[in-house]
Amino acid sequence: MPAQAINELLHSLSHNYKTALRTNIKNQHIPLPITHIRALKGIYRNANCTAQSIAQRMQRDKAQITRVLNELLEDGYISKIANPEDRRSQLLRLSAKGKEIVTQLNVIERTANKAMTANLSNEDMHAFIRIANIMVDNLAADSAQ
């Protein structure tokens, strides 16, 4: 298969997956932009989450992430607590309101994943995951040079 076909296929897959997520997020009346959603998911996944770790994970500058986190804090989606290991930073926690949004997002992602993989066998999925991980590692190694 020519490289161009792989490029187009990956672009199409990514675009359609993101469209499915955005549509379901809109249908569930989740009032947050994607950057805010990604920050909430990052906080959910990392028990020792800081603004710096969110910035690194999302590959955004810390000033932009600080603005997002301040909005999430003001709107009651997250809280901050003292970091016992580093007094210069604070740990981020989801509030009940933030946990509710993440629960909705998890359902939305499972629904999109189920639709995306509907006609694939377990073997197909394992092969896809293995190959996609190799491609990600190849690109990460290439960009590190």
C-alpha atoms as a PDB file:
ATOM      1  CA  MET A   1       0.000   0.000   0.000  1.00  0.00           C
ATOM      2  CA  PRO A   2       1.459   3.389  -0.910  1.00  0.00           C
ATOM      3  CA  ALA A   3       2.365   5.757   1.940  1.00  0.00           C
ATOM      4  CA  GLN A   4      -0.163   8.313   0.715  1.00  0.00           C
ATOM      5  CA  ALA A   5      -2.975   5.817   1.236  1.00  0.00           C
ATOM      6  CA  ILE A   6      -1.813   5.219   4.828  1.00  0.00           C
ATOM      7  CA  ASN A   7      -1.691   8.976   5.433  1.00  0.00           C
ATOM      8  CA  GLU A   8      -5.215   9.442   4.113  1.00  0.00           C
ATOM      9  CA  LEU A   9      -6.536   6.455   6.037  1.00  0.00           C
ATOM     10  CA  LEU A  10      -5.028   7.647   9.329  1.00  0.00           C
ATOM     11  CA  HIS A  11      -6.343  11.151   8.744  1.00  0.00           C
ATOM     12  CA  SER A  12      -9.809   9.826   7.946  1.00  0.00           C
ATOM     13  CA  LEU A  13      -9.853   7.526  10.994  1.00  0.00           C
ATOM     14  CA  SER A  14      -8.728  10.312  13.309  1.00  0.00           C
ATOM     15  CA  HIS A  15     -11.169  12.820  11.814  1.00  0.00           C
ATOM     16  CA  ASN A  16     -14.160  10.461  12.003  1.00  0.00           C
ATOM     17  CA  TYR A  17     -13.343   9.372  15.555  1.00  0.00           C
ATOM     18  CA  LYS A  18     -13.019  12.986  16.735  1.00  0.00           C
ATOM     19  CA  THR A  19     -16.244  13.896  14.945  1.00  0.00           C
ATOM     20  CA  ALA A  20     -18.082  11.054  16.695  1.00  0.00           C
ATOM     21  CA  LEU A  21     -16.737  12.220  20.057  1.00  0.00           C
ATOM     22  CA  ARG A  22     -17.606  15.885  19.417  1.00  0.00           C
ATOM     23  CA  THR A  23     -21.117  14.981  18.263  1.00  0.00           C
ATOM     24  CA  ASN A  24     -21.773  12.879  21.350  1.00  0.00           C
ATOM     25  CA  ILE A  25     -20.261  15.522  23.636  1.00  0.00           C
ATOM     26  CA  LYS A  26     -22.590  18.091  22.087  1.00  0.00           C
ATOM     27  CA  ASN A  27     -25.576  15.719  22.361  1.00  0.00           C
ATOM     28  CA  GLN A  28     -24.817  15.205  26.060  1.00  0.00           C
ATOM     29  CA  HIS A  29     -24.739  19.002  26.544  1.00  0.00           C
ATOM     30  CA  ILE A  30     -21.228  19.003  27.983  1.00  0.00           C
ATOM     31  CA  PRO A  31     -20.422  22.734  28.041  1.00  0.00           C
ATOM     32  CA  LEU A  32     -16.638  22.489  27.800  1.00  0.00           C
ATOM     33  CA  PRO A  33     -14.118  22.998  24.991  1.00  0.00           C
ATOM     34  CA  ILE A  34     -11.903  20.058  24.027  1.00  0.00           C
ATOM     35  CA  THR A  35      -8.843  21.480  25.826  1.00  0.00           C
ATOM     36  CA  HIS A  36     -10.809  21.610  29.092  1.00  0.00           C
ATOM     37  CA  ILE A  37     -12.071  18.072  28.542  1.00  0.00           C
ATOM     38  CA  ARG A  38      -8.549  16.799  27.909  1.00  0.00           C
ATOM     39  CA  ALA A  39      -7.348  18.505  31.093  1.00  0.00           C
ATOM     40  CA  LEU A  40     -10.141  16.890  33.135  1.00  0.00           C
ATOM     41  CA  LYS A  41      -9.270  13.480  31.706  1.00  0.00           C
ATOM     42  CA  GLY A  42      -5.600  14.054  32.533  1.00  0.00           C
ATOM     43  CA  ILE A  43      -6.455  14.918  36.123  1.00  0.00           C
ATOM     44  CA  TYR A  44      -8.680  11.844  36.343  1.00  0.00           C
ATOM     45  CA  ARG A  45      -5.904   9.544  35.140  1.00  0.00           C
ATOM     46  CA  ASN A  46      -3.076  10.926  37.282  1.00  0.00           C
ATOM     47  CA  ALA A  47      -3.340  10.882  41.082  1.00  0.00           C
ATOM     48  CA  ASN A  48      -0.313  13.207  41.373  1.00  0.00           C
ATOM     49  CA  CYS A  49      -1.438  15.618  38.699  1.00  0.00           C
ATOM     50  CA  THR A  50      -0.001  19.144  38.576  1.00  0.00           C
ATOM     51  CA  ALA A  51      -0.358  21.969  36.075  1.00  0.00           C
ATOM     52  CA  GLN A  52       3.116  21.095  34.783  1.00  0.00           C
ATOM     53  CA  SER A  53       2.226  17.428  34.233  1.00  0.00           C
ATOM     54  CA  ILE A  54      -0.941  18.447  32.342  1.00  0.00           C
ATOM     55  CA  ALA A  55       1.077  20.845  30.161  1.00  0.00           C
ATOM     56  CA  GLN A  56       3.590  18.104  29.356  1.00  0.00           C
ATOM     57  CA  ARG A  57       0.912  15.482  28.660  1.00  0.00           C
ATOM     58  CA  MET A  58      -1.044  17.808  26.388  1.00  0.00           C
ATOM     59  CA  GLN A  59       2.100  19.282  24.821  1.00  0.00           C
ATOM     60  CA  ARG A  60       0.927  22.834  25.520  1.00  0.00           C
ATOM     61  CA  ASP A  61       2.693  25.735  27.181  1.00  0.00           C
ATOM     62  CA  LYS A  62       2.121  26.071  30.898  1.00  0.00           C
ATOM     63  CA  ALA A  63       0.526  29.544  30.581  1.00  0.00           C
ATOM     64  CA  GLN A  64      -2.218  28.179  28.313  1.00  0.00           C
ATOM     65  CA  ILE A  65      -2.846  25.240  30.653  1.00  0.00           C
ATOM     66  CA  THR A  66      -2.894  27.560  33.662  1.00  0.00           C
ATOM     67  CA  ARG A  67      -5.701  29.569  32.018  1.00  0.00           C
ATOM     68  CA  VAL A  68      -7.658  26.354  31.319  1.00  0.00           C
ATOM     69  CA  LEU A  69      -7.162  25.102  34.879  1.00  0.00           C
ATOM     70  CA  ASN A  70      -8.194  28.454  36.353  1.00  0.00           C
ATOM     71  CA  GLU A  71     -11.436  28.301  34.335  1.00  0.00           C
ATOM     72  CA  LEU A  72     -12.066  24.724  35.487  1.00  0.00           C
ATOM     73  CA  LEU A  73     -11.387  25.809  39.071  1.00  0.00           C
ATOM     74  CA  GLU A  74     -13.700  28.844  38.808  1.00  0.00           C
ATOM     75  CA  ASP A  75     -16.473  26.689  37.320  1.00  0.00           C
ATOM     76  CA  GLY A  76     -16.161  24.107  40.106  1.00  0.00           C
ATOM     77  CA  TYR A  77     -14.840  21.173  38.048  1.00  0.00           C
ATOM     78  CA  ILE A  78     -11.539  20.853  39.929  1.00  0.00           C
ATOM     79  CA  SER A  79      -9.851  21.794  43.182  1.00  0.00           C
ATOM     80  CA  LYS A  80      -6.246  22.279  44.209  1.00  0.00           C
ATOM     81  CA  ILE A  81      -4.482  20.878  47.251  1.00  0.00           C
ATOM     82  CA  ALA A  82      -0.981  21.396  48.571  1.00  0.00           C
ATOM     83  CA  ASN A  83       1.611  19.078  47.052  1.00  0.00           C
ATOM     84  CA  PRO A  84       3.340  17.385  49.999  1.00  0.00           C
ATOM     85  CA  GLU A  85       6.399  16.606  47.859  1.00  0.00           C
ATOM     86  CA  ASP A  86       6.869  20.074  46.325  1.00  0.00           C
ATOM     87  CA  ARG A  87       5.644  23.203  48.093  1.00  0.00           C
ATOM     88  CA  ARG A  88       5.967  25.201  44.865  1.00  0.00           C
ATOM     89  CA  SER A  89       3.178  23.244  43.142  1.00  0.00           C
ATOM     90  CA  GLN A  90      -0.319  22.080  43.856  1.00  0.00           C
ATOM     91  CA  LEU A  91      -2.014  18.789  43.106  1.00  0.00           C
ATOM     92  CA  LEU A  92      -5.175  18.896  41.040  1.00  0.00           C
ATOM     93  CA  ARG A  93      -8.299  16.936  41.965  1.00  0.00           C
ATOM     94  CA  LEU A  94     -11.661  16.502  40.272  1.00  0.00           C
ATOM     95  CA  SER A  95     -14.657  17.843  42.169  1.00  0.00           C
ATOM     96  CA  ALA A  96     -17.958  15.940  42.169  1.00  0.00           C
ATOM     97  CA  LYS A  97     -18.981  18.083  39.184  1.00  0.00           C
ATOM     98  CA  GLY A  98     -15.726  17.195  37.387  1.00  0.00           C
ATOM     99  CA  LYS A  99     -16.166  13.487  38.145  1.00  0.00           C
ATOM    100  CA  GLU A 100     -19.674  13.621  36.690  1.00  0.00           C
ATOM    101  CA  ILE A 101     -18.339  15.065  33.425  1.00  0.00           C
ATOM    102  CA  VAL A 102     -15.555  12.466  33.238  1.00  0.00           C
ATOM    103  CA  THR A 103     -18.100   9.687  33.805  1.00  0.00           C
ATOM    104  CA  GLN A 104     -20.128  11.030  30.876  1.00  0.00           C
ATOM    105  CA  LEU A 105     -16.971  11.270  28.753  1.00  0.00           C
ATOM    106  CA  ASN A 106     -16.024   7.677  29.524  1.00  0.00           C
ATOM    107  CA  VAL A 107     -19.439   6.514  28.306  1.00  0.00           C
ATOM    108  CA  ILE A 108     -19.082   8.639  25.162  1.00  0.00           C
ATOM    109  CA  GLU A 109     -15.640   7.162  24.440  1.00  0.00           C
ATOM    110  CA  ARG A 110     -16.854   3.590  24.986  1.00  0.00           C
ATOM    111  CA  THR A 111     -19.762   4.229  22.614  1.00  0.00           C
ATOM    112  CA  ALA A 112     -17.458   5.648  19.927  1.00  0.00           C
ATOM    113  CA  ASN A 113     -14.969   2.797  20.402  1.00  0.00           C
ATOM    114  CA  LYS A 114     -17.746   0.224  20.112  1.00  0.00           C
ATOM    115  CA  ALA A 115     -19.015   1.796  16.889  1.00  0.00           C
ATOM    116  CA  MET A 116     -15.490   2.065  15.466  1.00  0.00           C
ATOM    117  CA  THR A 117     -14.623  -1.582  16.176  1.00  0.00           C
ATOM    118  CA  ALA A 118     -18.043  -3.119  15.440  1.00  0.00           C
ATOM    119  CA  ASN A 119     -16.907  -5.391  12.588  1.00  0.00           C
ATOM    120  CA  LEU A 120     -13.460  -6.276  13.920  1.00  0.00           C
ATOM    121  CA  SER A 121     -12.460  -9.522  15.575  1.00  0.00           C
ATOM    122  CA  ASN A 122     -10.329  -9.653  18.722  1.00  0.00           C
ATOM    123  CA  GLU A 123      -7.412 -10.740  16.543  1.00  0.00           C
ATOM    124  CA  ASP A 124      -7.939  -7.711  14.283  1.00  0.00           C
ATOM    125  CA  MET A 125      -7.961  -5.412  17.312  1.00  0.00           C
ATOM    126  CA  HIS A 126      -4.811  -6.937  18.792  1.00  0.00           C
ATOM    127  CA  ALA A 127      -3.056  -6.599  15.436  1.00  0.00           C
ATOM    128  CA  PHE A 128      -4.191  -2.987  15.043  1.00  0.00           C
ATOM    129  CA  ILE A 129      -3.027  -2.067  18.549  1.00  0.00           C
ATOM    130  CA  ARG A 130       0.329  -3.783  18.040  1.00  0.00           C
ATOM    131  CA  ILE A 131       0.922  -2.086  14.690  1.00  0.00           C
ATOM    132  CA  ALA A 132      -0.297   1.336  15.870  1.00  0.00           C
ATOM    133  CA  ASN A 133       2.045   1.156  18.884  1.00  0.00           C
ATOM    134  CA  ILE A 134       4.978   0.346  16.603  1.00  0.00           C
ATOM    135  CA  MET A 135       4.084   3.326  14.369  1.00  0.00           C
ATOM    136  CA  VAL A 136       3.801   5.648  17.391  1.00  0.00           C
ATOM    137  CA  ASP A 137       7.172   4.444  18.708  1.00  0.00           C
ATOM    138  CA  ASN A 138       8.757   4.892  15.252  1.00  0.00           C
ATOM    139  CA  LEU A 139       7.538   8.476  15.020  1.00  0.00           C
ATOM    140  CA  ALA A 140       8.511   9.257  18.619  1.00  0.00           C
ATOM    141  CA  ALA A 141      12.017   7.901  18.026  1.00  0.00           C
ATOM    142  CA  ASP A 142      12.287   9.815  14.751  1.00  0.00           C
ATOM    143  CA  SER A 143      11.225  13.114  16.322  1.00  0.00           C
ATOM    144  CA  ALA A 144      13.626  12.612  19.256  1.00  0.00           C
ATOM    145  CA  GLN A 145      16.598  12.638  16.901  1.00  0.00           C
END
